[in-house]
Amino acid sequence: MLPDKDFVNGLTWLIENGIIVVEQTVNEIETEEKISDVNCLGNARCISGTVVKIVDGDTIQVDDVAVRFALASAPELRGYGGVESRDFIQTLCPAGSQVIVDEDDSQTKGSYGRLVGVVYCNEINLNKELLDIGLGHLSVQFCDSSEFRYTDWAQKHGCESYTEPEPTSTQSQCDPSYPDFCIPQPPPDLDCGDIPQKNFTVLQPDPHRFDVDKDGIGCES
């Protein structure tokens, strides 16, 4: 039977030479457990990988894929706050970290070939953290389409206040007497000089009286 000291020395030698890998195995198990706790939304890709590089405050490289944060934007590196936002993400998720990327269903073809999604690193939502700390801003132009627009963090930072502009005219406002174009019902009463269309079909009762001679053609030039 080996003395305790010899046993420890022998075990240390085995670990140092890679014959026994204790810490790596434990870390791998912990990482797998953390990754499995993340449930992706929607129907787009849900990928896992290793962070190779923090490109800037809203873009990281995962294996050979560039990943852009959905709904969260950071300043350019040369802009005010750009370096700070990158360093913040790097602190939360340094190179070598394991991540899950939940791709945005509505942005499966991101700009510059990047994958667009929510990034989870060490069980932290990086998109949310960037906005919460004030080093980034919400990309409100995607609030009408992103699958993440109804998440708590997106609503908190601006998607809740986003509304699509009201259309100037809808099909229900178009007068059926003028089937070729959408001409609104009166009031107000319109004359031919008030509209750009000429020589179009007019059906009765013709409330705007575009067809004066009642030949079925309005605003004849």
C-alpha atoms as a PDB file:
ATOM      1  CA  MET A   1       0.000   0.000   0.000  1.00  0.00           C
ATOM      2  CA  LEU A   2       1.413   3.411  -1.009  1.00  0.00           C
ATOM      3  CA  PRO A   3       1.961   6.060   1.675  1.00  0.00           C
ATOM      4  CA  ASP A   4      -0.408   9.003   1.471  1.00  0.00           C
ATOM      5  CA  LYS A   5       2.329  11.310   0.170  1.00  0.00           C
ATOM      6  CA  ASP A   6       3.290   8.941  -2.627  1.00  0.00           C
ATOM      7  CA  PHE A   7      -0.349   8.434  -3.543  1.00  0.00           C
ATOM      8  CA  VAL A   8      -0.940  12.191  -3.781  1.00  0.00           C
ATOM      9  CA  ASN A   9       2.230  12.696  -5.813  1.00  0.00           C
ATOM     10  CA  GLY A  10       1.239   9.901  -8.155  1.00  0.00           C
ATOM     11  CA  LEU A  11      -2.280  11.251  -8.581  1.00  0.00           C
ATOM     12  CA  THR A  12      -0.910  14.736  -9.234  1.00  0.00           C
ATOM     13  CA  TRP A  13       1.424  13.371 -11.919  1.00  0.00           C
ATOM     14  CA  LEU A  14      -1.469  11.562 -13.619  1.00  0.00           C
ATOM     15  CA  ILE A  15      -3.577  14.722 -13.653  1.00  0.00           C
ATOM     16  CA  GLU A  16      -0.750  16.976 -14.860  1.00  0.00           C
ATOM     17  CA  ASN A  17       0.004  14.627 -17.726  1.00  0.00           C
ATOM     18  CA  GLY A  18      -3.609  14.408 -18.804  1.00  0.00           C
ATOM     19  CA  ILE A  19      -4.061  10.761 -17.919  1.00  0.00           C
ATOM     20  CA  ILE A  20      -6.772  11.680 -15.410  1.00  0.00           C
ATOM     21  CA  VAL A  21      -8.869  14.760 -16.242  1.00  0.00           C
ATOM     22  CA  VAL A  22     -10.929  15.619 -13.200  1.00  0.00           C
ATOM     23  CA  GLU A  23     -11.622  19.342 -13.402  1.00  0.00           C
ATOM     24  CA  GLN A  24     -12.310  19.304 -17.127  1.00  0.00           C
ATOM     25  CA  THR A  25     -14.882  16.558 -16.755  1.00  0.00           C
ATOM     26  CA  VAL A  26     -16.632  18.413 -13.946  1.00  0.00           C
ATOM     27  CA  ASN A  27     -16.661  21.649 -15.940  1.00  0.00           C
ATOM     28  CA  GLU A  28     -18.060  19.895 -18.989  1.00  0.00           C
ATOM     29  CA  ILE A  29     -20.872  18.384 -16.919  1.00  0.00           C
ATOM     30  CA  GLU A  30     -21.697  21.770 -15.370  1.00  0.00           C
ATOM     31  CA  THR A  31     -21.700  23.430 -18.795  1.00  0.00           C
ATOM     32  CA  GLU A  32     -23.995  20.789 -20.251  1.00  0.00           C
ATOM     33  CA  GLU A  33     -26.410  21.248 -17.352  1.00  0.00           C
ATOM     34  CA  LYS A  34     -26.461  25.027 -17.831  1.00  0.00           C
ATOM     35  CA  ILE A  35     -26.992  24.736 -21.572  1.00  0.00           C
ATOM     36  CA  SER A  36     -29.820  22.256 -21.131  1.00  0.00           C
ATOM     37  CA  ASP A  37     -31.629  24.743 -18.874  1.00  0.00           C
ATOM     38  CA  VAL A  38     -32.104  27.165 -21.801  1.00  0.00           C
ATOM     39  CA  ASN A  39     -35.248  26.666 -23.897  1.00  0.00           C
ATOM     40  CA  CYS A  40     -35.202  28.336 -27.298  1.00  0.00           C
ATOM     41  CA  LEU A  41     -38.331  30.026 -28.642  1.00  0.00           C
ATOM     42  CA  GLY A  42     -39.839  29.832 -32.106  1.00  0.00           C
ATOM     43  CA  ASN A  43     -38.912  27.591 -35.010  1.00  0.00           C
ATOM     44  CA  ALA A  44     -35.551  28.954 -36.155  1.00  0.00           C
ATOM     45  CA  ARG A  45     -32.191  27.475 -35.244  1.00  0.00           C
ATOM     46  CA  CYS A  46     -31.086  26.898 -31.667  1.00  0.00           C
ATOM     47  CA  ILE A  47     -27.339  26.390 -31.651  1.00  0.00           C
ATOM     48  CA  SER A  48     -24.680  25.880 -29.006  1.00  0.00           C
ATOM     49  CA  GLY A  49     -21.012  26.617 -29.382  1.00  0.00           C
ATOM     50  CA  THR A  50     -17.870  28.212 -28.029  1.00  0.00           C
ATOM     51  CA  VAL A  51     -17.158  31.928 -28.021  1.00  0.00           C
ATOM     52  CA  VAL A  52     -14.097  32.613 -30.149  1.00  0.00           C
ATOM     53  CA  LYS A  53     -14.124  36.412 -30.054  1.00  0.00           C
ATOM     54  CA  ILE A  54     -16.092  39.381 -28.779  1.00  0.00           C
ATOM     55  CA  VAL A  55     -16.269  41.515 -31.919  1.00  0.00           C
ATOM     56  CA  ASP A  56     -18.036  44.499 -30.355  1.00  0.00           C
ATOM     57  CA  GLY A  57     -20.850  45.243 -27.940  1.00  0.00           C
ATOM     58  CA  ASP A  58     -23.547  43.501 -29.966  1.00  0.00           C
ATOM     59  CA  THR A  59     -21.663  40.949 -32.073  1.00  0.00           C
ATOM     60  CA  ILE A  60     -19.703  37.877 -31.057  1.00  0.00           C
ATOM     61  CA  GLN A  61     -18.150  35.002 -32.942  1.00  0.00           C
ATOM     62  CA  VAL A  62     -19.366  31.545 -31.931  1.00  0.00           C
ATOM     63  CA  ASP A  63     -17.186  28.876 -33.526  1.00  0.00           C
ATOM     64  CA  ASP A  64     -17.166  29.963 -37.188  1.00  0.00           C
ATOM     65  CA  VAL A  65     -20.443  31.929 -37.035  1.00  0.00           C
ATOM     66  CA  ALA A  66     -20.818  35.677 -36.450  1.00  0.00           C
ATOM     67  CA  VAL A  67     -23.779  36.296 -34.142  1.00  0.00           C
ATOM     68  CA  ARG A  68     -25.562  39.653 -33.891  1.00  0.00           C
ATOM     69  CA  PHE A  69     -27.752  40.389 -30.858  1.00  0.00           C
ATOM     70  CA  ALA A  70     -31.448  40.583 -31.747  1.00  0.00           C
ATOM     71  CA  LEU A  71     -33.166  43.869 -30.799  1.00  0.00           C
ATOM     72  CA  ALA A  72     -30.095  45.121 -28.883  1.00  0.00           C
ATOM     73  CA  SER A  73     -27.586  47.458 -30.522  1.00  0.00           C
ATOM     74  CA  ALA A  74     -24.318  48.845 -29.186  1.00  0.00           C
ATOM     75  CA  PRO A  75     -22.247  51.783 -30.464  1.00  0.00           C
ATOM     76  CA  GLU A  76     -19.559  51.156 -33.059  1.00  0.00           C
ATOM     77  CA  LEU A  77     -16.157  50.511 -31.514  1.00  0.00           C
ATOM     78  CA  ARG A  78     -14.890  53.890 -32.692  1.00  0.00           C
ATOM     79  CA  GLY A  79     -17.998  55.611 -31.387  1.00  0.00           C
ATOM     80  CA  TYR A  80     -18.738  56.902 -27.908  1.00  0.00           C
ATOM     81  CA  GLY A  81     -19.252  53.951 -25.556  1.00  0.00           C
ATOM     82  CA  GLY A  82     -18.251  51.358 -28.149  1.00  0.00           C
ATOM     83  CA  VAL A  83     -15.230  50.008 -26.292  1.00  0.00           C
ATOM     84  CA  GLU A  84     -17.092  50.038 -22.978  1.00  0.00           C
ATOM     85  CA  SER A  85     -19.965  47.966 -24.375  1.00  0.00           C
ATOM     86  CA  ARG A  86     -17.556  45.435 -25.888  1.00  0.00           C
ATOM     87  CA  ASP A  87     -15.599  45.149 -22.641  1.00  0.00           C
ATOM     88  CA  PHE A  88     -18.830  44.659 -20.698  1.00  0.00           C
ATOM     89  CA  ILE A  89     -19.901  41.732 -22.885  1.00  0.00           C
ATOM     90  CA  GLN A  90     -16.380  40.341 -22.717  1.00  0.00           C
ATOM     91  CA  THR A  91     -16.546  40.396 -18.923  1.00  0.00           C
ATOM     92  CA  LEU A  92     -19.850  38.502 -18.899  1.00  0.00           C
ATOM     93  CA  CYS A  93     -18.859  36.082 -21.635  1.00  0.00           C
ATOM     94  CA  PRO A  94     -15.119  35.833 -22.326  1.00  0.00           C
ATOM     95  CA  ALA A  95     -13.635  33.836 -25.184  1.00  0.00           C
ATOM     96  CA  GLY A  96     -13.887  30.136 -24.452  1.00  0.00           C
ATOM     97  CA  SER A  97     -17.331  30.404 -22.861  1.00  0.00           C
ATOM     98  CA  GLN A  98     -20.120  28.065 -23.940  1.00  0.00           C
ATOM     99  CA  VAL A  99     -23.225  29.772 -25.308  1.00  0.00           C
ATOM    100  CA  ILE A 100     -26.687  29.027 -26.634  1.00  0.00           C
ATOM    101  CA  VAL A 101     -27.982  31.174 -29.515  1.00  0.00           C
ATOM    102  CA  ASP A 102     -31.747  31.352 -30.095  1.00  0.00           C
ATOM    103  CA  GLU A 103     -32.100  32.605 -33.669  1.00  0.00           C
ATOM    104  CA  ASP A 104     -34.778  35.222 -34.357  1.00  0.00           C
ATOM    105  CA  ASP A 105     -37.493  33.648 -36.527  1.00  0.00           C
ATOM    106  CA  SER A 106     -38.018  36.898 -38.436  1.00  0.00           C
ATOM    107  CA  GLN A 107     -34.331  37.583 -39.131  1.00  0.00           C
ATOM    108  CA  THR A 108     -32.894  34.332 -40.407  1.00  0.00           C
ATOM    109  CA  LYS A 109     -30.846  36.297 -42.934  1.00  0.00           C
ATOM    110  CA  GLY A 110     -29.010  38.934 -40.936  1.00  0.00           C
ATOM    111  CA  SER A 111     -26.856  41.683 -42.419  1.00  0.00           C
ATOM    112  CA  TYR A 112     -23.305  40.774 -43.441  1.00  0.00           C
ATOM    113  CA  GLY A 113     -24.187  37.100 -43.192  1.00  0.00           C
ATOM    114  CA  ARG A 114     -24.541  37.205 -39.422  1.00  0.00           C
ATOM    115  CA  LEU A 115     -26.903  35.029 -37.427  1.00  0.00           C
ATOM    116  CA  VAL A 116     -29.314  37.223 -35.438  1.00  0.00           C
ATOM    117  CA  GLY A 117     -30.618  36.010 -32.100  1.00  0.00           C
ATOM    118  CA  VAL A 118     -30.608  36.061 -28.321  1.00  0.00           C
ATOM    119  CA  VAL A 119     -27.354  34.862 -26.777  1.00  0.00           C
ATOM    120  CA  TYR A 120     -27.289  33.017 -23.462  1.00  0.00           C
ATOM    121  CA  CYS A 121     -23.883  32.768 -21.794  1.00  0.00           C
ATOM    122  CA  ASN A 122     -23.445  31.318 -18.306  1.00  0.00           C
ATOM    123  CA  GLU A 123     -27.253  31.401 -18.073  1.00  0.00           C
ATOM    124  CA  ILE A 124     -27.213  35.165 -18.733  1.00  0.00           C
ATOM    125  CA  ASN A 125     -29.210  36.811 -21.522  1.00  0.00           C
ATOM    126  CA  LEU A 126     -26.556  39.067 -23.067  1.00  0.00           C
ATOM    127  CA  ASN A 127     -29.094  41.050 -25.109  1.00  0.00           C
ATOM    128  CA  LYS A 128     -31.009  41.956 -21.971  1.00  0.00           C
ATOM    129  CA  GLU A 129     -27.901  42.775 -19.936  1.00  0.00           C
ATOM    130  CA  LEU A 130     -26.556  45.138 -22.604  1.00  0.00           C
ATOM    131  CA  LEU A 131     -29.808  47.122 -22.473  1.00  0.00           C
ATOM    132  CA  ASP A 132     -30.224  46.957 -18.695  1.00  0.00           C
ATOM    133  CA  ILE A 133     -26.752  48.384 -18.057  1.00  0.00           C
ATOM    134  CA  GLY A 134     -27.384  51.251 -20.477  1.00  0.00           C
ATOM    135  CA  LEU A 135     -24.517  50.478 -22.851  1.00  0.00           C
ATOM    136  CA  GLY A 136     -26.821  49.707 -25.771  1.00  0.00           C
ATOM    137  CA  HIS A 137     -30.199  50.681 -27.165  1.00  0.00           C
ATOM    138  CA  LEU A 138     -33.240  48.818 -28.416  1.00  0.00           C
ATOM    139  CA  SER A 139     -33.556  48.445 -32.199  1.00  0.00           C
ATOM    140  CA  VAL A 140     -37.163  49.643 -32.321  1.00  0.00           C
ATOM    141  CA  GLN A 141     -37.407  49.174 -36.089  1.00  0.00           C
ATOM    142  CA  PHE A 142     -37.666  45.431 -35.456  1.00  0.00           C
ATOM    143  CA  CYS A 143     -40.342  45.645 -32.753  1.00  0.00           C
ATOM    144  CA  ASP A 144     -43.047  44.892 -35.292  1.00  0.00           C
ATOM    145  CA  SER A 145     -41.428  41.663 -36.476  1.00  0.00           C
ATOM    146  CA  SER A 146     -38.961  40.141 -34.010  1.00  0.00           C
ATOM    147  CA  GLU A 147     -40.151  37.013 -32.244  1.00  0.00           C
ATOM    148  CA  PHE A 148     -38.640  38.447 -29.050  1.00  0.00           C
ATOM    149  CA  ARG A 149     -40.703  41.667 -29.121  1.00  0.00           C
ATOM    150  CA  TYR A 150     -43.060  40.408 -26.414  1.00  0.00           C
ATOM    151  CA  THR A 151     -40.343  39.347 -23.963  1.00  0.00           C
ATOM    152  CA  ASP A 152     -40.177  41.296 -20.707  1.00  0.00           C
ATOM    153  CA  TRP A 153     -36.844  42.919 -21.531  1.00  0.00           C
ATOM    154  CA  ALA A 154     -37.893  44.015 -25.031  1.00  0.00           C
ATOM    155  CA  GLN A 155     -41.145  45.481 -23.702  1.00  0.00           C
ATOM    156  CA  LYS A 156     -39.283  47.233 -20.901  1.00  0.00           C
ATOM    157  CA  HIS A 157     -36.800  48.907 -23.215  1.00  0.00           C
ATOM    158  CA  GLY A 158     -39.136  50.175 -25.921  1.00  0.00           C
ATOM    159  CA  CYS A 159     -41.121  47.582 -27.839  1.00  0.00           C
ATOM    160  CA  GLU A 160     -44.145  48.238 -25.622  1.00  0.00           C
ATOM    161  CA  SER A 161     -44.429  51.809 -26.876  1.00  0.00           C
ATOM    162  CA  TYR A 162     -43.917  50.910 -30.532  1.00  0.00           C
ATOM    163  CA  THR A 163     -46.994  51.092 -32.725  1.00  0.00           C
ATOM    164  CA  GLU A 164     -47.253  50.841 -36.475  1.00  0.00           C
ATOM    165  CA  PRO A 165     -48.389  54.031 -38.211  1.00  0.00           C
ATOM    166  CA  GLU A 166     -52.046  54.128 -39.087  1.00  0.00           C
ATOM    167  CA  PRO A 167     -52.635  53.719 -42.818  1.00  0.00           C
ATOM    168  CA  THR A 168     -53.890  56.841 -44.555  1.00  0.00           C
ATOM    169  CA  SER A 169     -56.594  54.866 -46.283  1.00  0.00           C
ATOM    170  CA  THR A 170     -57.984  51.374 -45.897  1.00  0.00           C
ATOM    171  CA  GLN A 171     -60.094  49.232 -48.169  1.00  0.00           C
ATOM    172  CA  SER A 172     -63.158  49.964 -46.051  1.00  0.00           C
ATOM    173  CA  GLN A 173     -62.710  53.699 -46.733  1.00  0.00           C
ATOM    174  CA  CYS A 174     -62.529  53.268 -50.510  1.00  0.00           C
ATOM    175  CA  ASP A 175     -65.703  54.206 -52.344  1.00  0.00           C
ATOM    176  CA  PRO A 176     -67.000  51.264 -54.430  1.00  0.00           C
ATOM    177  CA  SER A 177     -68.040  53.626 -57.223  1.00  0.00           C
ATOM    178  CA  TYR A 178     -64.364  53.851 -58.253  1.00  0.00           C
ATOM    179  CA  PRO A 179     -63.013  50.278 -58.534  1.00  0.00           C
ATOM    180  CA  ASP A 180     -59.778  51.178 -60.370  1.00  0.00           C
ATOM    181  CA  PHE A 181     -58.331  53.221 -57.507  1.00  0.00           C
ATOM    182  CA  CYS A 182     -58.866  53.799 -53.826  1.00  0.00           C
ATOM    183  CA  ILE A 183     -60.756  57.058 -53.717  1.00  0.00           C
ATOM    184  CA  PRO A 184     -62.172  57.817 -50.269  1.00  0.00           C
ATOM    185  CA  GLN A 185     -65.848  58.217 -49.631  1.00  0.00           C
ATOM    186  CA  PRO A 186     -67.148  61.741 -48.962  1.00  0.00           C
ATOM    187  CA  PRO A 187     -66.896  63.871 -47.023  1.00  0.00           C
ATOM    188  CA  PRO A 188     -65.067  65.797 -48.223  1.00  0.00           C
ATOM    189  CA  ASP A 189     -66.466  66.111 -51.706  1.00  0.00           C
ATOM    190  CA  LEU A 190     -63.697  65.835 -54.302  1.00  0.00           C
ATOM    191  CA  ASP A 191     -63.374  67.327 -57.762  1.00  0.00           C
ATOM    192  CA  CYS A 192     -61.231  66.047 -60.629  1.00  0.00           C
ATOM    193  CA  GLY A 193     -58.652  68.698 -59.799  1.00  0.00           C
ATOM    194  CA  ASP A 194     -58.252  67.210 -56.329  1.00  0.00           C
ATOM    195  CA  ILE A 195     -57.019  63.799 -57.529  1.00  0.00           C
ATOM    196  CA  PRO A 196     -54.215  62.734 -59.920  1.00  0.00           C
ATOM    197  CA  GLN A 197     -56.194  59.960 -61.683  1.00  0.00           C
ATOM    198  CA  LYS A 198     -57.762  60.472 -65.105  1.00  0.00           C
ATOM    199  CA  ASN A 199     -59.981  58.364 -67.359  1.00  0.00           C
ATOM    200  CA  PHE A 200     -60.965  55.744 -64.786  1.00  0.00           C
ATOM    201  CA  THR A 201     -64.006  53.541 -64.356  1.00  0.00           C
ATOM    202  CA  VAL A 202     -66.952  55.094 -62.566  1.00  0.00           C
ATOM    203  CA  LEU A 203     -69.962  53.196 -61.264  1.00  0.00           C
ATOM    204  CA  GLN A 204     -73.137  54.798 -60.006  1.00  0.00           C
ATOM    205  CA  PRO A 205     -74.097  56.492 -57.759  1.00  0.00           C
ATOM    206  CA  ASP A 206     -70.753  58.399 -58.274  1.00  0.00           C
ATOM    207  CA  PRO A 207     -70.956  60.493 -55.057  1.00  0.00           C
ATOM    208  CA  HIS A 208     -68.070  62.756 -56.155  1.00  0.00           C
ATOM    209  CA  ARG A 209     -69.690  63.381 -59.587  1.00  0.00           C
ATOM    210  CA  PHE A 210     -66.483  62.592 -61.494  1.00  0.00           C
ATOM    211  CA  ASP A 211     -68.538  61.201 -64.422  1.00  0.00           C
ATOM    212  CA  VAL A 212     -70.460  64.278 -65.486  1.00  0.00           C
ATOM    213  CA  ASP A 213     -71.725  62.842 -68.803  1.00  0.00           C
ATOM    214  CA  LYS A 214     -72.462  59.467 -67.192  1.00  0.00           C
ATOM    215  CA  ASP A 215     -70.580  57.431 -69.797  1.00  0.00           C
ATOM    216  CA  GLY A 216     -68.836  55.346 -67.128  1.00  0.00           C
ATOM    217  CA  ILE A 217     -65.487  57.178 -67.387  1.00  0.00           C
ATOM    218  CA  GLY A 218     -64.437  59.699 -64.781  1.00  0.00           C
ATOM    219  CA  CYS A 219     -62.319  62.837 -65.110  1.00  0.00           C
ATOM    220  CA  GLU A 220     -61.904  62.535 -68.851  1.00  0.00           C
ATOM    221  CA  SER A 221     -59.039  64.655 -70.112  1.00  0.00           C
END
